[in-house]
């Protein structure tokens, strides 16, 4: 399943970049994250509880950030599994200056399987958009507060 979109953050590109690659910001801004531990250079293991429709569960997996071109773009690989099924995905994040704000564009390819898979196919677009918007909104709030 393909996902894509954009989000404007009212902050300069370097500040947004710094937050997007900060493990503490990631842990506090990604909805449902219970654990995010660094395991290597730009590699993390995580536990996250998410729900799609009536199916909710905890997934454990890893995140790897690659192809880093500061402060404009990077790629990532995510995989996780849990009782409700599995998720695997790749994605790309691009940041562009936009007159004092930063335009973030993202695109990804996500594969979801197991019991959650059939529900996810119908609902993934709206669920992923909600999660992404919550994440970027939280990043923007952290930048504003300077925390």
N, C-alpha and C. Protein backbone atom coordinates (compact mmCIF):
# COMPACT_ATOMS: atom_id res chain seq x y z
N UNK A 1 0.84 -1.17 0.00
CA UNK A 1 0.00 0.00 0.00
C UNK A 1 0.89 1.24 0.00
N UNK A 2 0.60 2.14 -0.88
CA UNK A 2 1.36 3.39 -0.99
C UNK A 2 0.72 4.44 -0.10
N UNK A 3 1.58 5.20 0.58
CA UNK A 3 1.11 6.36 1.34
C UNK A 3 1.97 7.55 0.95
N UNK A 4 1.37 8.73 0.96
CA UNK A 4 2.13 9.94 0.66
C UNK A 4 1.35 11.13 1.16
N UNK A 5 2.07 12.23 1.32
CA UNK A 5 1.41 13.45 1.76
C UNK A 5 2.43 14.52 2.06
N UNK A 6 1.94 15.60 2.63
CA UNK A 6 2.82 16.70 3.00
C UNK A 6 2.29 17.36 4.26
N UNK A 7 3.17 18.09 4.92
CA UNK A 7 2.81 18.79 6.15
C UNK A 7 3.73 20.00 6.24
N UNK A 8 3.17 21.15 6.62
CA UNK A 8 3.97 22.36 6.79
C UNK A 8 4.18 22.61 8.27
N UNK A 9 5.45 22.77 8.66
CA UNK A 9 5.83 23.07 10.04
C UNK A 9 6.32 24.51 10.07
N UNK A 10 5.79 25.29 10.98
CA UNK A 10 6.18 26.69 11.11
C UNK A 10 7.49 26.81 11.89
N UNK A 11 8.57 26.38 11.25
CA UNK A 11 9.91 26.45 11.82
C UNK A 11 10.90 26.28 10.68
N UNK A 12 12.15 26.70 10.93
CA UNK A 12 13.14 26.58 9.86
C UNK A 12 13.54 25.12 9.66
N UNK A 13 14.05 24.84 8.49
CA UNK A 13 14.35 23.48 8.08
C UNK A 13 15.33 22.78 9.01
N UNK A 14 16.38 23.46 9.46
CA UNK A 14 17.37 22.80 10.31
C UNK A 14 16.75 22.38 11.65
N UNK A 15 15.89 23.21 12.21
CA UNK A 15 15.22 22.86 13.48
C UNK A 15 14.33 21.63 13.29
N UNK A 16 13.61 21.59 12.18
CA UNK A 16 12.75 20.44 11.89
C UNK A 16 13.61 19.19 11.70
N UNK A 17 14.67 19.32 10.93
CA UNK A 17 15.58 18.20 10.69
C UNK A 17 16.11 17.64 12.01
N UNK A 18 16.58 18.52 12.88
CA UNK A 18 17.14 18.08 14.16
C UNK A 18 16.12 17.28 14.96
N UNK A 19 14.88 17.73 14.99
CA UNK A 19 13.83 17.02 15.74
C UNK A 19 13.48 15.68 15.11
N UNK A 20 13.43 15.65 13.79
CA UNK A 20 13.05 14.41 13.12
C UNK A 20 14.06 13.29 13.33
N UNK A 21 15.30 13.65 13.62
CA UNK A 21 16.33 12.63 13.83
C UNK A 21 16.74 12.51 15.30
N UNK A 22 15.99 13.13 16.19
CA UNK A 22 16.27 13.05 17.62
C UNK A 22 15.45 11.92 18.25
N UNK A 23 16.12 10.90 18.83
CA UNK A 23 15.38 9.76 19.38
C UNK A 23 14.36 10.14 20.45
N UNK A 24 14.66 11.12 21.29
CA UNK A 24 13.70 11.53 22.32
C UNK A 24 12.45 12.15 21.70
N UNK A 25 12.64 12.96 20.66
CA UNK A 25 11.49 13.54 19.97
C UNK A 25 10.67 12.46 19.27
N UNK A 26 11.35 11.53 18.65
CA UNK A 26 10.64 10.43 17.99
C UNK A 26 9.81 9.64 18.99
N UNK A 27 10.43 9.30 20.13
CA UNK A 27 9.74 8.50 21.14
C UNK A 27 8.53 9.22 21.71
N UNK A 28 8.64 10.52 21.91
CA UNK A 28 7.52 11.24 22.52
C UNK A 28 6.46 11.66 21.50
N UNK A 29 6.81 11.74 20.23
CA UNK A 29 5.85 12.23 19.23
C UNK A 29 5.18 11.14 18.39
N UNK A 30 5.78 9.98 18.28
CA UNK A 30 5.12 8.91 17.53
C UNK A 30 4.00 8.32 18.37
N UNK A 31 2.75 8.43 17.92
CA UNK A 31 1.63 7.92 18.71
C UNK A 31 1.77 6.42 19.00
N UNK A 32 1.59 6.06 20.26
CA UNK A 32 1.60 4.65 20.65
C UNK A 32 2.95 4.06 20.97
N UNK A 33 4.04 4.84 20.84
CA UNK A 33 5.37 4.30 21.11
C UNK A 33 5.54 4.07 22.61
N UNK A 34 5.92 2.86 22.96
CA UNK A 34 6.18 2.51 24.35
C UNK A 34 7.67 2.42 24.63
N UNK A 35 8.44 2.14 23.58
CA UNK A 35 9.88 1.97 23.74
C UNK A 35 10.55 2.33 22.43
N UNK A 36 11.66 3.05 22.52
CA UNK A 36 12.49 3.34 21.35
C UNK A 36 13.93 3.37 21.84
N UNK A 37 14.69 2.34 21.52
CA UNK A 37 16.07 2.23 21.98
C UNK A 37 17.01 2.21 20.79
N UNK A 38 18.07 2.99 20.91
CA UNK A 38 19.09 3.02 19.85
C UNK A 38 19.90 1.73 19.92
N UNK A 39 20.05 1.07 18.78
CA UNK A 39 20.82 -0.18 18.73
C UNK A 39 22.07 -0.05 17.88
N UNK A 40 22.19 1.04 17.15
CA UNK A 40 23.33 1.26 16.28
C UNK A 40 23.21 2.64 15.66
N UNK A 41 24.13 2.94 14.76
CA UNK A 41 24.09 4.23 14.08
C UNK A 41 22.82 4.32 13.24
N UNK A 42 21.91 5.22 13.64
CA UNK A 42 20.63 5.43 12.95
C UNK A 42 19.76 4.17 12.90
N UNK A 43 19.90 3.30 13.91
CA UNK A 43 19.08 2.10 14.01
C UNK A 43 18.46 2.04 15.40
N UNK A 44 17.19 1.65 15.45
CA UNK A 44 16.44 1.62 16.70
C UNK A 44 15.57 0.38 16.76
N UNK A 45 15.34 -0.10 17.99
CA UNK A 45 14.30 -1.09 18.18
C UNK A 45 13.17 -0.38 18.91
N UNK A 46 11.95 -0.82 18.61
CA UNK A 46 10.82 -0.12 19.21
C UNK A 46 9.68 -1.07 19.52
N UNK A 47 8.83 -0.61 20.42
CA UNK A 47 7.55 -1.27 20.71
C UNK A 47 6.49 -0.19 20.60
N UNK A 48 5.40 -0.51 19.93
CA UNK A 48 4.37 0.48 19.63
C UNK A 48 3.01 -0.20 19.66
N UNK A 49 2.06 0.43 20.32
CA UNK A 49 0.69 -0.07 20.34
C UNK A 49 -0.16 0.79 19.42
N UNK A 50 -0.75 0.15 18.44
CA UNK A 50 -1.62 0.86 17.49
C UNK A 50 -2.86 0.02 17.22
N UNK A 51 -3.90 0.70 16.79
CA UNK A 51 -5.13 0.01 16.45
C UNK A 51 -5.60 0.41 15.07
N UNK A 52 -6.11 -0.55 14.35
CA UNK A 52 -6.73 -0.32 13.06
C UNK A 52 -8.11 -0.95 13.14
N UNK A 53 -9.13 -0.11 13.10
CA UNK A 53 -10.48 -0.62 13.27
C UNK A 53 -10.63 -1.23 14.66
N UNK A 54 -11.14 -2.43 14.72
CA UNK A 54 -11.37 -3.12 15.99
C UNK A 54 -10.14 -3.90 16.45
N UNK A 55 -9.11 -3.94 15.64
CA UNK A 55 -7.93 -4.73 15.97
C UNK A 55 -6.84 -3.81 16.51
N UNK A 56 -6.45 -4.07 17.76
CA UNK A 56 -5.41 -3.26 18.40
C UNK A 56 -4.39 -4.20 19.00
N UNK A 57 -3.13 -3.80 18.92
CA UNK A 57 -2.10 -4.64 19.50
C UNK A 57 -0.77 -3.95 19.56
N UNK A 58 0.17 -4.64 20.17
CA UNK A 58 1.53 -4.12 20.31
C UNK A 58 2.43 -4.79 19.29
N UNK A 59 3.20 -3.99 18.63
CA UNK A 59 4.16 -4.46 17.64
C UNK A 59 5.56 -4.17 18.16
N UNK A 60 6.45 -5.12 17.97
CA UNK A 60 7.86 -4.89 18.27
C UNK A 60 8.63 -5.03 16.98
N UNK A 61 9.60 -4.15 16.81
CA UNK A 61 10.34 -4.19 15.56
C UNK A 61 11.51 -3.25 15.55
N UNK A 62 11.92 -2.89 14.35
CA UNK A 62 13.09 -2.03 14.22
C UNK A 62 12.85 -0.95 13.18
N UNK A 63 13.60 0.12 13.34
CA UNK A 63 13.58 1.25 12.41
C UNK A 63 15.03 1.52 12.02
N UNK A 64 15.27 1.70 10.75
CA UNK A 64 16.61 2.05 10.27
C UNK A 64 16.49 3.26 9.36
N UNK A 65 17.29 4.28 9.65
CA UNK A 65 17.30 5.50 8.84
C UNK A 65 18.54 5.45 7.95
N UNK A 66 18.33 5.66 6.65
CA UNK A 66 19.42 5.53 5.68
C UNK A 66 19.40 6.70 4.70
N UNK A 67 20.39 6.72 3.84
CA UNK A 67 20.47 7.71 2.75
C UNK A 67 20.27 9.13 3.27
N UNK A 68 20.99 9.47 4.33
CA UNK A 68 20.82 10.76 5.00
C UNK A 68 21.56 11.85 4.24
N UNK A 69 20.83 12.90 3.86
CA UNK A 69 21.38 14.08 3.19
C UNK A 69 20.93 15.31 3.98
N UNK A 70 21.67 15.62 5.04
CA UNK A 70 21.28 16.73 5.92
C UNK A 70 21.35 18.06 5.18
N UNK A 71 20.39 18.93 5.33
CA UNK A 71 19.11 18.83 6.05
C UNK A 71 17.92 18.66 5.11
N UNK A 72 18.09 17.91 4.04
CA UNK A 72 17.02 17.87 3.03
C UNK A 72 16.22 16.58 2.96
N UNK A 73 16.84 15.42 3.17
CA UNK A 73 16.07 14.19 2.98
C UNK A 73 16.76 12.99 3.59
N UNK A 74 15.96 11.96 3.84
CA UNK A 74 16.46 10.66 4.27
C UNK A 74 15.42 9.60 3.95
N UNK A 75 15.86 8.35 4.03
CA UNK A 75 14.98 7.21 3.81
C UNK A 75 14.90 6.40 5.09
N UNK A 76 13.91 5.54 5.18
CA UNK A 76 13.81 4.69 6.35
C UNK A 76 13.20 3.35 5.99
N UNK A 77 13.53 2.39 6.83
CA UNK A 77 12.98 1.04 6.72
C UNK A 77 12.39 0.70 8.08
N UNK A 78 11.18 0.18 8.09
CA UNK A 78 10.50 -0.18 9.33
C UNK A 78 9.96 -1.59 9.19
N UNK A 79 10.13 -2.38 10.23
CA UNK A 79 9.48 -3.69 10.26
C UNK A 79 9.09 -4.00 11.69
N UNK A 80 7.96 -4.65 11.84
CA UNK A 80 7.51 -5.02 13.17
C UNK A 80 6.48 -6.13 13.08
N UNK A 81 6.33 -6.83 14.19
CA UNK A 81 5.33 -7.88 14.25
C UNK A 81 4.76 -7.95 15.66
N UNK A 82 3.59 -8.52 15.74
CA UNK A 82 2.91 -8.70 17.01
C UNK A 82 1.72 -9.61 16.80
N UNK A 83 0.94 -9.77 17.82
CA UNK A 83 -0.20 -10.67 17.75
C UNK A 83 -1.17 -10.32 16.61
N UNK A 84 -1.40 -9.02 16.35
CA UNK A 84 -2.34 -8.70 15.27
C UNK A 84 -1.79 -8.91 13.86
N UNK A 85 -0.49 -9.17 13.72
CA UNK A 85 0.06 -9.34 12.39
C UNK A 85 1.43 -8.73 12.27
N UNK A 86 1.77 -8.31 11.06
CA UNK A 86 3.09 -7.72 10.83
C UNK A 86 2.95 -6.48 9.96
N UNK A 87 3.98 -5.66 10.01
CA UNK A 87 4.06 -4.49 9.14
C UNK A 87 5.51 -4.36 8.68
N UNK A 88 5.69 -4.06 7.41
CA UNK A 88 7.00 -3.77 6.83
C UNK A 88 6.81 -2.56 5.94
N UNK A 89 7.80 -1.70 5.94
CA UNK A 89 7.65 -0.54 5.07
C UNK A 89 8.94 0.19 4.80
N UNK A 90 8.93 0.90 3.71
CA UNK A 90 10.02 1.80 3.37
C UNK A 90 9.41 3.17 3.15
N UNK A 91 10.21 4.19 3.37
CA UNK A 91 9.70 5.53 3.18
C UNK A 91 10.79 6.53 2.92
N UNK A 92 10.39 7.69 2.47
CA UNK A 92 11.32 8.79 2.21
C UNK A 92 10.70 10.07 2.74
N UNK A 93 11.53 10.87 3.38
CA UNK A 93 11.13 12.17 3.93
C UNK A 93 11.96 13.23 3.23
N UNK A 94 11.31 14.30 2.77
CA UNK A 94 12.02 15.42 2.15
C UNK A 94 11.58 16.71 2.83
N UNK A 95 12.54 17.59 3.10
CA UNK A 95 12.28 18.87 3.74
C UNK A 95 12.69 19.98 2.79
N UNK A 96 11.81 20.97 2.63
CA UNK A 96 12.10 22.11 1.76
C UNK A 96 11.77 23.41 2.49
N UNK A 97 12.66 24.40 2.34
CA UNK A 97 12.38 25.73 2.88
C UNK A 97 11.14 26.29 2.20
N UNK A 98 10.31 26.96 3.00
CA UNK A 98 9.09 27.53 2.45
C UNK A 98 8.81 28.87 3.12
N UNK A 99 9.70 29.84 2.92
CA UNK A 99 9.50 31.18 3.46
C UNK A 99 9.37 31.24 4.97
N UNK A 100 10.31 30.69 5.70
CA UNK A 100 10.27 30.72 7.15
C UNK A 100 9.64 29.48 7.76
N UNK A 101 9.00 28.69 6.95
CA UNK A 101 8.46 27.42 7.43
C UNK A 101 9.11 26.29 6.62
N UNK A 102 8.78 25.07 6.96
CA UNK A 102 9.36 23.92 6.28
C UNK A 102 8.25 23.04 5.75
N UNK A 103 8.33 22.74 4.48
CA UNK A 103 7.38 21.82 3.84
C UNK A 103 7.98 20.42 3.90
N UNK A 104 7.30 19.53 4.59
CA UNK A 104 7.73 18.13 4.68
C UNK A 104 6.87 17.32 3.72
N UNK A 105 7.51 16.60 2.83
CA UNK A 105 6.77 15.66 1.99
C UNK A 105 7.25 14.26 2.33
N UNK A 106 6.34 13.33 2.31
CA UNK A 106 6.68 11.96 2.64
C UNK A 106 5.98 11.02 1.67
N UNK A 107 6.62 9.90 1.44
CA UNK A 107 6.01 8.84 0.65
C UNK A 107 6.55 7.53 1.16
N UNK A 108 5.74 6.52 1.06
CA UNK A 108 6.16 5.22 1.55
C UNK A 108 5.37 4.10 0.92
N UNK A 109 5.87 2.92 1.15
CA UNK A 109 5.23 1.70 0.70
C UNK A 109 5.15 0.78 1.90
N UNK A 110 3.94 0.42 2.31
CA UNK A 110 3.72 -0.34 3.53
C UNK A 110 3.02 -1.65 3.20
N UNK A 111 3.51 -2.73 3.79
CA UNK A 111 2.89 -4.04 3.66
C UNK A 111 2.40 -4.46 5.04
N UNK A 112 1.13 -4.81 5.15
CA UNK A 112 0.53 -5.22 6.41
C UNK A 112 -0.06 -6.60 6.21
N UNK A 113 0.21 -7.53 7.15
CA UNK A 113 -0.30 -8.89 7.02
C UNK A 113 -0.83 -9.43 8.34
N UNK A 114 -1.41 -10.60 8.28
CA UNK A 114 -2.01 -11.20 9.46
C UNK A 114 -3.43 -10.72 9.64
N UNK A 115 -4.01 -10.94 10.83
CA UNK A 115 -5.40 -10.54 11.07
C UNK A 115 -5.67 -9.07 10.79
N UNK A 116 -4.69 -8.22 11.08
CA UNK A 116 -4.88 -6.79 10.85
C UNK A 116 -4.85 -6.44 9.36
N UNK A 117 -4.28 -7.32 8.56
CA UNK A 117 -4.09 -7.03 7.14
C UNK A 117 -5.36 -6.73 6.37
N UNK A 118 -6.41 -7.53 6.57
CA UNK A 118 -7.64 -7.31 5.81
C UNK A 118 -8.33 -6.02 6.21
N UNK A 119 -8.30 -5.70 7.50
CA UNK A 119 -8.88 -4.45 7.97
C UNK A 119 -8.03 -3.28 7.51
N UNK A 120 -6.72 -3.45 7.59
CA UNK A 120 -5.79 -2.36 7.25
C UNK A 120 -5.93 -1.92 5.81
N UNK A 121 -6.18 -2.85 4.92
CA UNK A 121 -6.28 -2.49 3.51
C UNK A 121 -7.38 -1.45 3.28
N UNK A 122 -8.46 -1.55 4.04
CA UNK A 122 -9.57 -0.61 3.88
C UNK A 122 -9.35 0.69 4.61
N UNK A 123 -8.61 0.65 5.72
CA UNK A 123 -8.53 1.81 6.60
C UNK A 123 -7.15 2.45 6.68
N UNK A 124 -6.14 1.84 6.10
CA UNK A 124 -4.76 2.29 6.28
C UNK A 124 -4.55 3.74 5.86
N UNK A 125 -5.18 4.16 4.79
CA UNK A 125 -4.98 5.54 4.33
C UNK A 125 -5.35 6.55 5.39
N UNK A 126 -6.53 6.42 5.97
CA UNK A 126 -6.97 7.40 6.98
C UNK A 126 -6.20 7.24 8.28
N UNK A 127 -5.88 6.02 8.67
CA UNK A 127 -5.12 5.79 9.91
C UNK A 127 -3.71 6.35 9.78
N UNK A 128 -3.05 6.06 8.67
CA UNK A 128 -1.67 6.55 8.50
C UNK A 128 -1.64 8.07 8.42
N UNK A 129 -2.60 8.69 7.77
CA UNK A 129 -2.67 10.15 7.69
C UNK A 129 -2.83 10.75 9.08
N UNK A 130 -3.69 10.16 9.90
CA UNK A 130 -3.90 10.65 11.26
C UNK A 130 -2.63 10.53 12.09
N UNK A 131 -1.95 9.40 12.01
CA UNK A 131 -0.72 9.19 12.77
C UNK A 131 0.36 10.17 12.32
N UNK A 132 0.52 10.33 11.01
CA UNK A 132 1.54 11.25 10.48
C UNK A 132 1.25 12.68 10.91
N UNK A 133 -0.01 13.12 10.80
CA UNK A 133 -0.36 14.48 11.21
C UNK A 133 -0.12 14.70 12.69
N UNK A 134 -0.46 13.73 13.54
CA UNK A 134 -0.19 13.85 14.98
C UNK A 134 1.30 13.96 15.23
N UNK A 135 2.08 13.16 14.53
CA UNK A 135 3.53 13.17 14.71
C UNK A 135 4.13 14.53 14.34
N UNK A 136 3.82 15.04 13.16
CA UNK A 136 4.40 16.31 12.74
C UNK A 136 3.90 17.47 13.58
N UNK A 137 2.66 17.42 14.02
CA UNK A 137 2.13 18.45 14.91
C UNK A 137 2.89 18.47 16.24
N UNK A 138 3.18 17.30 16.77
CA UNK A 138 3.96 17.19 18.01
C UNK A 138 5.38 17.73 17.81
N UNK A 139 6.01 17.39 16.70
CA UNK A 139 7.35 17.90 16.39
C UNK A 139 7.32 19.43 16.37
N UNK A 140 6.31 20.00 15.72
CA UNK A 140 6.18 21.45 15.65
C UNK A 140 6.02 22.06 17.04
N UNK A 141 5.21 21.44 17.88
CA UNK A 141 5.01 21.93 19.25
C UNK A 141 6.31 21.88 20.05
N UNK A 142 7.08 20.82 19.90
CA UNK A 142 8.36 20.72 20.60
C UNK A 142 9.31 21.83 20.17
N UNK A 143 9.33 22.13 18.89
CA UNK A 143 10.20 23.21 18.40
C UNK A 143 9.75 24.53 18.99
N UNK A 144 8.45 24.80 19.00
CA UNK A 144 7.93 26.05 19.55
C UNK A 144 8.28 26.21 21.02
N UNK A 145 8.16 25.12 21.77
CA UNK A 145 8.43 25.16 23.21
C UNK A 145 9.93 25.12 23.51
N UNK A 146 10.71 24.72 22.52
CA UNK A 146 12.15 24.61 22.73
C UNK A 146 12.52 23.46 23.64
N UNK A 147 11.62 22.49 23.74
CA UNK A 147 11.89 21.35 24.64
C UNK A 147 12.48 20.19 23.89
